PDB file of N, CA and C in Angstrom:
ATOM      1  N   MET A   1    -208.533 252.333  43.991  1.00  0.00           N
ATOM      2  CA  MET A   1    -207.641 253.145  43.185  1.00  0.00           C
ATOM      3  C   MET A   1    -206.183 252.696  43.361  1.00  0.00           C
ATOM      4  N   LYS A   2    -205.823 252.379  44.590  1.00  0.00           N
ATOM      5  CA  LYS A   2    -204.462 251.948  44.887  1.00  0.00           C
ATOM      6  C   LYS A   2    -204.144 250.621  44.181  1.00  0.00           C
ATOM      7  N   LYS A   3    -205.137 249.701  44.157  1.00  0.00           N
ATOM      8  CA  LYS A   3    -204.940 248.412  43.498  1.00  0.00           C
ATOM      9  C   LYS A   3    -204.762 248.583  41.994  1.00  0.00           C
ATOM     10  N   LEU A   4    -205.521 249.505  41.406  1.00  0.00           N
ATOM     11  CA  LEU A   4    -205.415 249.773  39.974  1.00  0.00           C
ATOM     12  C   LEU A   4    -204.033 250.328  39.650  1.00  0.00           C
ATOM     13  N   LEU A   5    -203.531 251.219  40.467  1.00  0.00           N
ATOM     14  CA  LEU A   5    -202.206 251.793  40.263  1.00  0.00           C
ATOM     15  C   LEU A   5    -201.119 250.726  40.356  1.00  0.00           C
ATOM     16  N   ILE A   6    -201.254 249.827  41.307  1.00  0.00           N
ATOM     17  CA  ILE A   6    -200.293 248.726  41.460  1.00  0.00           C
ATOM     18  C   ILE A   6    -200.351 247.802  40.243  1.00  0.00           C
ATOM     19  N   ALA A   7    -201.545 247.486  39.772  1.00  0.00           N
ATOM     20  CA  ALA A   7    -201.701 246.609  38.613  1.00  0.00           C
ATOM     21  C   ALA A   7    -201.092 247.237  37.372  1.00  0.00           C
ATOM     22  N   ILE A   8    -201.323 248.524  37.139  1.00  0.00           N
ATOM     23  CA  ILE A   8    -200.780 249.212  35.965  1.00  0.00           C
ATOM     24  C   ILE A   8    -199.263 249.267  36.046  1.00  0.00           C
ATOM     25  N   THR A   9    -198.732 249.569  37.212  1.00  0.00           N
ATOM     26  CA  THR A   9    -197.278 249.636  37.394  1.00  0.00           C
ATOM     27  C   THR A   9    -196.641 248.265  37.171  1.00  0.00           C
ATOM     28  N   SER A  10    -197.267 247.227  37.697  1.00  0.00           N
ATOM     29  CA  SER A  10    -196.741 245.866  37.518  1.00  0.00           C
ATOM     30  C   SER A  10    -196.716 245.478  36.046  1.00  0.00           C
ATOM     31  N   PHE A  11    -197.804 245.804  35.348  1.00  0.00           N
ATOM     32  CA  PHE A  11    -197.860 245.483  33.920  1.00  0.00           C
ATOM     33  C   PHE A  11    -196.796 246.262  33.152  1.00  0.00           C
ATOM     34  N   ALA A  12    -196.630 247.533  33.487  1.00  0.00           N
ATOM     35  CA  ALA A  12    -195.652 248.372  32.794  1.00  0.00           C
ATOM     36  C   ALA A  12    -194.233 247.839  32.988  1.00  0.00           C
ATOM     37  N   LEU A  13    -193.956 247.300  34.159  1.00  0.00           N
ATOM     38  CA  LEU A  13    -192.625 246.745  34.415  1.00  0.00           C
ATOM     39  C   LEU A  13    -192.426 245.384  33.754  1.00  0.00           C
ATOM     40  N   ALA A  14    -193.486 244.587  33.651  1.00  0.00           N
ATOM     41  CA  ALA A  14    -193.376 243.240  33.104  1.00  0.00           C
ATOM     42  C   ALA A  14    -193.516 243.201  31.592  1.00  0.00           C
ATOM     43  N   ALA A  15    -194.160 244.178  30.983  1.00  0.00           N
ATOM     44  CA  ALA A  15    -194.432 244.163  29.541  1.00  0.00           C
ATOM     45  C   ALA A  15    -193.178 243.985  28.685  1.00  0.00           C
ATOM     46  N   PRO A  16    -192.110 244.745  28.937  1.00  0.00           N
ATOM     47  CA  PRO A  16    -190.923 244.555  28.083  1.00  0.00           C
ATOM     48  C   PRO A  16    -190.362 243.132  28.148  1.00  0.00           C
ATOM     49  N   LEU A  17    -190.431 242.507  29.299  1.00  0.00           N
ATOM     50  CA  LEU A  17    -189.937 241.135  29.430  1.00  0.00           C
ATOM     51  C   LEU A  17    -190.824 240.157  28.677  1.00  0.00           C
ATOM     52  N   LEU A  18    -192.111 240.395  28.693  1.00  0.00           N
ATOM     53  CA  LEU A  18    -193.053 239.508  28.008  1.00  0.00           C
ATOM     54  C   LEU A  18    -193.005 239.679  26.505  1.00  0.00           C
ATOM     55  N   LEU A  19    -192.690 240.879  26.044  1.00  0.00           N
ATOM     56  CA  LEU A  19    -192.707 241.169  24.619  1.00  0.00           C
ATOM     57  C   LEU A  19    -191.358 240.984  23.938  1.00  0.00           C
ATOM     58  N   ALA A  20    -190.309 240.742  24.703  1.00  0.00           N
ATOM     59  CA  ALA A  20    -188.973 240.567  24.129  1.00  0.00           C
ATOM     60  C   ALA A  20    -188.943 239.313  23.265  1.00  0.00           C
ATOM     61  N   SER A  21    -188.305 239.421  22.116  1.00  0.00           N
ATOM     62  CA  SER A  21    -188.237 238.271  21.217  1.00  0.00           C
ATOM     63  C   SER A  21    -187.186 237.282  21.707  1.00  0.00           C
ATOM     64  N   PRO A  22    -187.365 235.982  21.428  1.00  0.00           N
ATOM     65  CA  PRO A  22    -186.381 234.983  21.856  1.00  0.00           C
ATOM     66  C   PRO A  22    -185.000 235.218  21.266  1.00  0.00           C
ATOM     67  N   ALA A  23    -184.929 235.799  20.056  1.00  0.00           N
ATOM     68  CA  ALA A  23    -183.634 236.041  19.421  1.00  0.00           C
ATOM     69  C   ALA A  23    -182.816 237.051  20.224  1.00  0.00           C
ATOM     70  N   MET A  24    -183.486 237.961  20.890  1.00  0.00           N
ATOM     71  CA  MET A  24    -182.785 238.961  21.685  1.00  0.00           C
ATOM     72  C   MET A  24    -182.248 238.362  22.979  1.00  0.00           C
ATOM     73  N   ALA A  25    -182.802 237.250  23.385  1.00  0.00           N
ATOM     74  CA  ALA A  25    -182.461 236.665  24.671  1.00  0.00           C
ATOM     75  C   ALA A  25    -181.027 236.139  24.724  1.00  0.00           C
ATOM     76  N   GLN A  26    -180.526 235.590  23.633  1.00  0.00           N
ATOM     77  CA  GLN A  26    -179.182 235.016  23.656  1.00  0.00           C
ATOM     78  C   GLN A  26    -178.135 236.039  23.268  1.00  0.00           C
ATOM     79  N   THR A  27    -177.085 236.107  24.063  1.00  0.00           N
ATOM     80  CA  THR A  27    -175.975 237.002  23.779  1.00  0.00           C
ATOM     81  C   THR A  27    -174.975 236.294  22.873  1.00  0.00           C
ATOM     82  N   ALA A  28    -174.016 237.037  22.402  1.00  0.00           N
ATOM     83  CA  ALA A  28    -172.976 236.445  21.552  1.00  0.00           C
ATOM     84  C   ALA A  28    -172.219 235.358  22.306  1.00  0.00           C
ATOM     85  N   GLN A  29    -171.959 235.600  23.597  1.00  0.00           N
ATOM     86  CA  GLN A  29    -171.229 234.612  24.408  1.00  0.00           C
ATOM     87  C   GLN A  29    -172.049 233.331  24.544  1.00  0.00           C
ATOM     88  N   GLN A  30    -173.370 233.468  24.697  1.00  0.00           N
ATOM     89  CA  GLN A  30    -174.218 232.285  24.802  1.00  0.00           C
ATOM     90  C   GLN A  30    -174.217 231.509  23.486  1.00  0.00           C
ATOM     91  N   ASN A  31    -174.237 232.226  22.380  1.00  0.00           N
ATOM     92  CA  ASN A  31    -174.173 231.562  21.080  1.00  0.00           C
ATOM     93  C   ASN A  31    -172.843 230.841  20.910  1.00  0.00           C
ATOM     94  N   LYS A  32    -171.772 231.473  21.373  1.00  0.00           N
ATOM     95  CA  LYS A  32    -170.446 230.865  21.287  1.00  0.00           C
ATOM     96  C   LYS A  32    -170.396 229.595  22.140  1.00  0.00           C
ATOM     97  N   MET A  33    -171.008 229.656  23.335  1.00  0.00           N
ATOM     98  CA  MET A  33    -171.041 228.500  24.237  1.00  0.00           C
ATOM     99  C   MET A  33    -171.798 227.349  23.583  1.00  0.00           C
ATOM    100  N   THR A  34    -172.915 227.657  22.942  1.00  0.00           N
ATOM    101  CA  THR A  34    -173.704 226.634  22.256  1.00  0.00           C
ATOM    102  C   THR A  34    -172.870 225.970  21.157  1.00  0.00           C
ATOM    103  N   THR A  35    -172.185 226.779  20.378  1.00  0.00           N
ATOM    104  CA  THR A  35    -171.359 226.256  19.293  1.00  0.00           C
ATOM    105  C   THR A  35    -170.210 225.406  19.829  1.00  0.00           C
ATOM    106  N   CYS A  36    -169.546 225.890  20.872  1.00  0.00           N
ATOM    107  CA  CYS A  36    -168.425 225.141  21.448  1.00  0.00           C
ATOM    108  C   CYS A  36    -168.892 223.818  22.041  1.00  0.00           C
ATOM    109  N   ASN A  37    -170.036 223.819  22.721  1.00  0.00           N
ATOM    110  CA  ASN A  37    -170.581 222.574  23.274  1.00  0.00           C
ATOM    111  C   ASN A  37    -170.848 221.566  22.172  1.00  0.00           C
ATOM    112  N   LYS A  38    -171.398 222.046  21.076  1.00  0.00           N
ATOM    113  CA  LYS A  38    -171.696 221.168  19.942  1.00  0.00           C
ATOM    114  C   LYS A  38    -170.395 220.602  19.351  1.00  0.00           C
ATOM    115  N   ASP A  39    -169.389 221.468  19.220  1.00  0.00           N
ATOM    116  CA  ASP A  39    -168.113 221.044  18.645  1.00  0.00           C
ATOM    117  C   ASP A  39    -167.333 220.120  19.580  1.00  0.00           C
ATOM    118  N   ALA A  40    -167.572 220.219  20.885  1.00  0.00           N
ATOM    119  CA  ALA A  40    -166.849 219.388  21.852  1.00  0.00           C
ATOM    120  C   ALA A  40    -167.214 217.918  21.707  1.00  0.00           C
ATOM    121  N   GLY A  41    -168.409 217.647  21.224  1.00  0.00           N
ATOM    122  CA  GLY A  41    -168.818 216.268  20.962  1.00  0.00           C
ATOM    123  C   GLY A  41    -168.722 215.373  22.175  1.00  0.00           C
ATOM    124  N   ASP A  42    -167.993 214.268  22.048  1.00  0.00           N
ATOM    125  CA  ASP A  42    -167.899 213.256  23.102  1.00  0.00           C
ATOM    126  C   ASP A  42    -166.686 213.424  24.011  1.00  0.00           C
ATOM    127  N   LYS A  43    -166.006 214.563  23.927  1.00  0.00           N
ATOM    128  CA  LYS A  43    -164.841 214.772  24.787  1.00  0.00           C
ATOM    129  C   LYS A  43    -165.277 214.776  26.244  1.00  0.00           C
ATOM    130  N   LYS A  44    -164.419 214.269  27.119  1.00  0.00           N
ATOM    131  CA  LYS A  44    -164.751 214.190  28.546  1.00  0.00           C
ATOM    132  C   LYS A  44    -163.569 214.654  29.387  1.00  0.00           C
ATOM    133  N   GLY A  45    -163.855 215.062  30.603  1.00  0.00           N
ATOM    134  CA  GLY A  45    -162.825 215.379  31.581  1.00  0.00           C
ATOM    135  C   GLY A  45    -161.921 216.526  31.188  1.00  0.00           C
ATOM    136  N   ASP A  46    -160.623 216.330  31.427  1.00  0.00           N
ATOM    137  CA  ASP A  46    -159.636 217.378  31.175  1.00  0.00           C
ATOM    138  C   ASP A  46    -159.566 217.748  29.694  1.00  0.00           C
ATOM    139  N   GLU A  47    -159.762 216.768  28.829  1.00  0.00           N
ATOM    140  CA  GLU A  47    -159.729 217.042  27.390  1.00  0.00           C
ATOM    141  C   GLU A  47    -160.848 218.027  27.023  1.00  0.00           C
ATOM    142  N   ARG A  48    -162.047 217.804  27.573  1.00  0.00           N
ATOM    143  CA  ARG A  48    -163.179 218.690  27.305  1.00  0.00           C
ATOM    144  C   ARG A  48    -162.933 220.083  27.889  1.00  0.00           C
ATOM    145  N   LYS A  49    -162.405 220.135  29.119  1.00  0.00           N
ATOM    146  CA  LYS A  49    -162.120 221.424  29.750  1.00  0.00           C
ATOM    147  C   LYS A  49    -161.148 222.238  28.898  1.00  0.00           C
ATOM    148  N   ALA A  50    -160.088 221.589  28.446  1.00  0.00           N
ATOM    149  CA  ALA A  50    -159.085 222.273  27.633  1.00  0.00           C
ATOM    150  C   ALA A  50    -159.696 222.748  26.314  1.00  0.00           C
ATOM    151  N   PHE A  51    -160.504 221.892  25.701  1.00  0.00           N
ATOM    152  CA  PHE A  51    -161.141 222.264  24.436  1.00  0.00           C
ATOM    153  C   PHE A  51    -162.069 223.460  24.634  1.00  0.00           C
ATOM    154  N   MET A  52    -162.911 223.415  25.672  1.00  0.00           N
ATOM    155  CA  MET A  52    -163.867 224.491  25.923  1.00  0.00           C
ATOM    156  C   MET A  52    -163.140 225.799  26.249  1.00  0.00           C
ATOM    157  N   LYS A  53    -162.064 225.723  27.013  1.00  0.00           N
ATOM    158  CA  LYS A  53    -161.300 226.926  27.346  1.00  0.00           C
ATOM    159  C   LYS A  53    -160.767 227.576  26.085  1.00  0.00           C
ATOM    160  N   GLU A  54    -160.197 226.769  25.211  1.00  0.00           N
ATOM    161  CA  GLU A  54    -159.645 227.273  23.953  1.00  0.00           C
ATOM    162  C   GLU A  54    -160.751 227.815  23.049  1.00  0.00           C
ATOM    163  N   CYS A  55    -161.834 227.080  22.969  1.00  0.00           N
ATOM    164  CA  CYS A  55    -162.939 227.464  22.090  1.00  0.00           C
ATOM    165  C   CYS A  55    -163.589 228.773  22.552  1.00  0.00           C
ATOM    166  N   LEU A  56    -163.754 228.936  23.849  1.00  0.00           N
ATOM    167  CA  LEU A  56    -164.440 230.119  24.365  1.00  0.00           C
ATOM    168  C   LEU A  56    -163.541 231.347  24.495  1.00  0.00           C
ATOM    169  N   SER A  57    -162.239 231.153  24.331  1.00  0.00           N
ATOM    170  CA  SER A  57    -161.344 232.303  24.422  1.00  0.00           C
ATOM    171  C   SER A  57    -161.621 233.240  23.249  1.00  0.00           C
ATOM    172  N   ASN A  58    -161.182 234.457  23.353  1.00  0.00           N
ATOM    173  CA  ASN A  58    -161.469 235.459  22.330  1.00  0.00           C
ATOM    174  C   ASN A  58    -160.517 235.418  21.152  1.00  0.00           C
ATOM    175  N   LYS A  59    -159.696 234.397  21.104  1.00  0.00           N
ATOM    176  CA  LYS A  59    -158.753 234.289  19.993  1.00  0.00           C
ATOM    177  C   LYS A  59    -159.522 234.030  18.701  1.00  0.00           C
ATOM    178  N   PRO A  60    -159.125 234.666  17.617  1.00  0.00           N
ATOM    179  CA  PRO A  60    -159.795 234.392  16.354  1.00  0.00           C
ATOM    180  C   PRO A  60    -159.465 232.975  15.876  1.00  0.00           C
ATOM    181  N   ALA A  61    -160.385 232.388  15.160  1.00  0.00           N
ATOM    182  CA  ALA A  61    -160.180 231.032  14.666  1.00  0.00           C
ATOM    183  C   ALA A  61    -159.080 231.014  13.612  1.00  0.00           C
ATOM    184  N   LYS A  62    -158.333 229.902  13.588  1.00  0.00           N
ATOM    185  CA  LYS A  62    -157.313 229.759  12.562  1.00  0.00           C
ATOM    186  C   LYS A  62    -157.996 229.647  11.208  1.00  0.00           C
ATOM    187  N   PRO A  63    -157.437 230.272  10.188  1.00  0.00           N
ATOM    188  CA  PRO A  63    -158.042 230.114   8.867  1.00  0.00           C
ATOM    189  C   PRO A  63    -157.896 228.669   8.397  1.00  0.00           C
ATOM    190  N   ALA A  64    -158.905 228.198   7.705  1.00  0.00           N
ATOM    191  CA  ALA A  64    -158.888 226.821   7.207  1.00  0.00           C
ATOM    192  C   ALA A  64    -157.835 226.682   6.118  1.00  0.00           C
ATOM    193  N   THR A  65    -157.067 225.607   6.183  1.00  0.00           N
ATOM    194  CA  THR A  65    -156.086 225.350   5.144  1.00  0.00           C
ATOM    195  C   THR A  65    -156.803 224.717   3.957  1.00  0.00           C
ATOM    196  N   GLN A  66    -156.138 224.666   2.840  1.00  0.00           N
ATOM    197  CA  GLN A  66    -156.726 224.052   1.652  1.00  0.00           C
ATOM    198  C   GLN A  66    -157.038 222.574   1.917  1.00  0.00           C
ATOM    199  N   GLN A  67    -156.170 221.931   2.690  1.00  0.00           N
ATOM    200  CA  GLN A  67    -156.383 220.522   3.022  1.00  0.00           C
ATOM    201  C   GLN A  67    -157.641 220.364   3.887  1.00  0.00           C
ATOM    202  N   ASP A  68    -157.835 221.282   4.847  1.00  0.00           N
ATOM    203  CA  ASP A  68    -159.039 221.239   5.678  1.00  0.00           C
ATOM    204  C   ASP A  68    -160.291 221.447   4.836  1.00  0.00           C
ATOM    205  N   LYS A  69    -160.204 222.396   3.905  1.00  0.00           N
ATOM    206  CA  LYS A  69    -161.343 222.638   3.014  1.00  0.00           C
ATOM    207  C   LYS A  69    -161.663 221.390   2.202  1.00  0.00           C
ATOM    208  N   MET A  70    -160.623 220.736   1.699  1.00  0.00           N
ATOM    209  CA  MET A  70    -160.805 219.536   0.871  1.00  0.00           C
ATOM    210  C   MET A  70    -161.483 218.437   1.674  1.00  0.00           C
ATOM    211  N   LYS A  71    -161.057 218.230   2.912  1.00  0.00           N
ATOM    212  CA  LYS A  71    -161.670 217.206   3.762  1.00  0.00           C
ATOM    213  C   LYS A  71    -163.145 217.504   3.986  1.00  0.00           C
ATOM    214  N   GLN A  72    -163.448 218.772   4.321  1.00  0.00           N
ATOM    215  CA  GLN A  72    -164.834 219.145   4.587  1.00  0.00           C
ATOM    216  C   GLN A  72    -165.694 219.027   3.328  1.00  0.00           C
ATOM    217  N   CYS A  73    -165.174 219.500   2.220  1.00  0.00           N
ATOM    218  CA  CYS A  73    -165.936 219.422   0.966  1.00  0.00           C
ATOM    219  C   CYS A  73    -166.174 217.971   0.551  1.00  0.00           C
ATOM    220  N   ASN A  74    -165.167 217.110   0.734  1.00  0.00           N
ATOM    221  CA  ASN A  74    -165.343 215.689   0.430  1.00  0.00           C
ATOM    222  C   ASN A  74    -166.450 215.080   1.280  1.00  0.00           C
ATOM    223  N   ALA A  75    -166.463 215.427   2.550  1.00  0.00           N
ATOM    224  CA  ALA A  75    -167.504 214.907   3.441  1.00  0.00           C
ATOM    225  C   ALA A  75    -168.878 215.413   3.012  1.00  0.00           C
ATOM    226  N   ASP A  76    -168.957 216.694   2.645  1.00  0.00           N
ATOM    227  CA  ASP A  76    -170.227 217.283   2.231  1.00  0.00           C
ATOM    228  C   ASP A  76    -170.705 216.744   0.876  1.00  0.00           C
ATOM    229  N   ALA A  77    -169.778 216.259   0.065  1.00  0.00           N
ATOM    230  CA  ALA A  77    -170.127 215.781  -1.277  1.00  0.00           C
ATOM    231  C   ALA A  77    -170.557 214.317  -1.294  1.00  0.00           C
ATOM    232  N   ALA A  78    -170.656 213.699  -0.140  1.00  0.00           N
ATOM    233  CA  ALA A  78    -171.049 212.289  -0.073  1.00  0.00           C
ATOM    234  C   ALA A  78    -172.357 212.070  -0.823  1.00  0.00           C
ATOM    235  N   GLY A  79    -172.373 211.077  -1.687  1.00  0.00           N
ATOM    236  CA  GLY A  79    -173.579 210.745  -2.441  1.00  0.00           C
ATOM    237  C   GLY A  79    -173.636 211.387  -3.810  1.00  0.00           C
ATOM    238  N   LYS A  80    -172.797 212.374  -4.071  1.00  0.00           N
ATOM    239  CA  LYS A  80    -172.784 213.031  -5.380  1.00  0.00           C
ATOM    240  C   LYS A  80    -171.791 212.298  -6.271  1.00  0.00           C
ATOM    241  N   LYS A  81    -172.090 212.227  -7.564  1.00  0.00           N
ATOM    242  CA  LYS A  81    -171.203 211.539  -8.501  1.00  0.00           C
ATOM    243  C   LYS A  81    -171.076 212.329  -9.797  1.00  0.00           C
ATOM    244  N   GLY A  82    -170.005 212.066 -10.501  1.00  0.00           N
ATOM    245  CA  GLY A  82    -169.809 212.632 -11.829  1.00  0.00           C
ATOM    246  C   GLY A  82    -169.746 214.146 -11.859  1.00  0.00           C
ATOM    247  N   ASP A  83    -170.441 214.721 -12.853  1.00  0.00           N
ATOM    248  CA  ASP A  83    -170.411 216.170 -13.047  1.00  0.00           C
ATOM    249  C   ASP A  83    -170.995 216.928 -11.861  1.00  0.00           C
ATOM    250  N   GLU A  84    -172.000 216.326 -11.216  1.00  0.00           N
ATOM    251  CA  GLU A  84    -172.608 216.979 -10.050  1.00  0.00           C
ATOM    252  C   GLU A  84    -171.558 217.150  -8.947  1.00  0.00           C
ATOM    253  N   ARG A  85    -170.780 216.080  -8.686  1.00  0.00           N
ATOM    254  CA  ARG A  85    -169.743 216.137  -7.646  1.00  0.00           C
ATOM    255  C   ARG A  85    -168.653 217.130  -8.032  1.00  0.00           C
ATOM    256  N   LYS A  86    -168.250 217.098  -9.294  1.00  0.00           N
ATOM    257  CA  LYS A  86    -167.198 217.987  -9.774  1.00  0.00           C
ATOM    258  C   LYS A  86    -167.607 219.452  -9.600  1.00  0.00           C
ATOM    259  N   ALA A  87    -168.840 219.773  -9.970  1.00  0.00           N
ATOM    260  CA  ALA A  87    -169.337 221.147  -9.826  1.00  0.00           C
ATOM    261  C   ALA A  87    -169.434 221.540  -8.354  1.00  0.00           C
ATOM    262  N   PHE A  88    -169.925 220.603  -7.531  1.00  0.00           N
ATOM    263  CA  PHE A  88    -170.042 220.882  -6.105  1.00  0.00           C
ATOM    264  C   PHE A  88    -168.673 221.139  -5.485  1.00  0.00           C
ATOM    265  N   MET A  89    -167.706 220.286  -5.776  1.00  0.00           N
ATOM    266  CA  MET A  89    -166.362 220.428  -5.204  1.00  0.00           C
ATOM    267  C   MET A  89    -165.724 221.744  -5.630  1.00  0.00           C
ATOM    268  N   SER A  90    -165.883 222.106  -6.871  1.00  0.00           N
ATOM    269  CA  SER A  90    -165.327 223.362  -7.362  1.00  0.00           C
ATOM    270  C   SER A  90    -165.915 224.542  -6.599  1.00  0.00           C
ATOM    271  N   SER A  91    -167.212 224.539  -6.465  1.00  0.00           N
ATOM    272  CA  SER A  91    -167.904 225.613  -5.755  1.00  0.00           C
ATOM    273  C   SER A  91    -167.505 225.629  -4.270  1.00  0.00           C
ATOM    274  N   CYS A  92    -167.469 224.466  -3.667  1.00  0.00           N
ATOM    275  CA  CYS A  92    -167.156 224.343  -2.248  1.00  0.00           C
ATOM    276  C   CYS A  92    -165.735 224.831  -1.939  1.00  0.00           C
ATOM    277  N   LEU A  93    -164.777 224.457  -2.761  1.00  0.00           N
ATOM    278  CA  LEU A  93    -163.384 224.811  -2.521  1.00  0.00           C
ATOM    279  C   LEU A  93    -163.108 226.300  -2.759  1.00  0.00           C
ATOM    280  N   LYS A  94    -163.966 226.960  -3.525  1.00  0.00           N
ATOM    281  CA  LYS A  94    -163.795 228.383  -3.776  1.00  0.00           C
ATOM    282  C   LYS A  94    -164.324 229.238  -2.645  1.00  0.00           C
ATOM    283  N   LYS A  95    -165.200 228.684  -1.827  1.00  0.00           N
ATOM    284  CA  LYS A  95    -165.790 229.433  -0.726  1.00  0.00           C
ATOM    285  C   LYS A  95    -164.725 229.760   0.306  1.00  0.00           C
ATOM    286  N   ASP A  96    -164.899 230.920   0.962  1.00  0.00           N
ATOM    287  CA  ASP A  96    -164.000 231.299   2.051  1.00  0.00           C
ATOM    288  C   ASP A  96    -164.561 230.726   3.331  1.00  0.00           C
ATOM    289  N   LYS A  97    -163.942 229.672   3.835  1.00  0.00           N
ATOM    290  CA  LYS A  97    -164.444 228.981   5.032  1.00  0.00           C
ATOM    291  C   LYS A  97    -163.650 229.335   6.273  1.00  0.00           C
ATOM    292  N   SER A  98    -162.923 230.413   6.267  1.00  0.00           N
ATOM    293  CA  SER A  98    -162.121 230.758   7.446  1.00  0.00           C
ATOM    294  C   SER A  98    -162.922 231.429   8.503  1.00  0.00           C
TER     295      SER A  98
END
């Protein structure tokens, strides 16, 4: 009887951990860390430390300038030509990317 009680109690304590979805596992800070690591790219040493410190701080991101939007949209439009590119660029530049 004692062994059964221990087994039931152990299962009751472990069940929530086993049933938790992977999406619940990552916090906002962990997601931010993942994004910052990806954005850091090939930076090394003090440059990387400074970038990560700035990226992980709670400061809101600077809004993208029109020039920044144009650069990003141009990069995303690679391979498109003519009317397809024109339509894509128009749509891309209208999006709020801040």
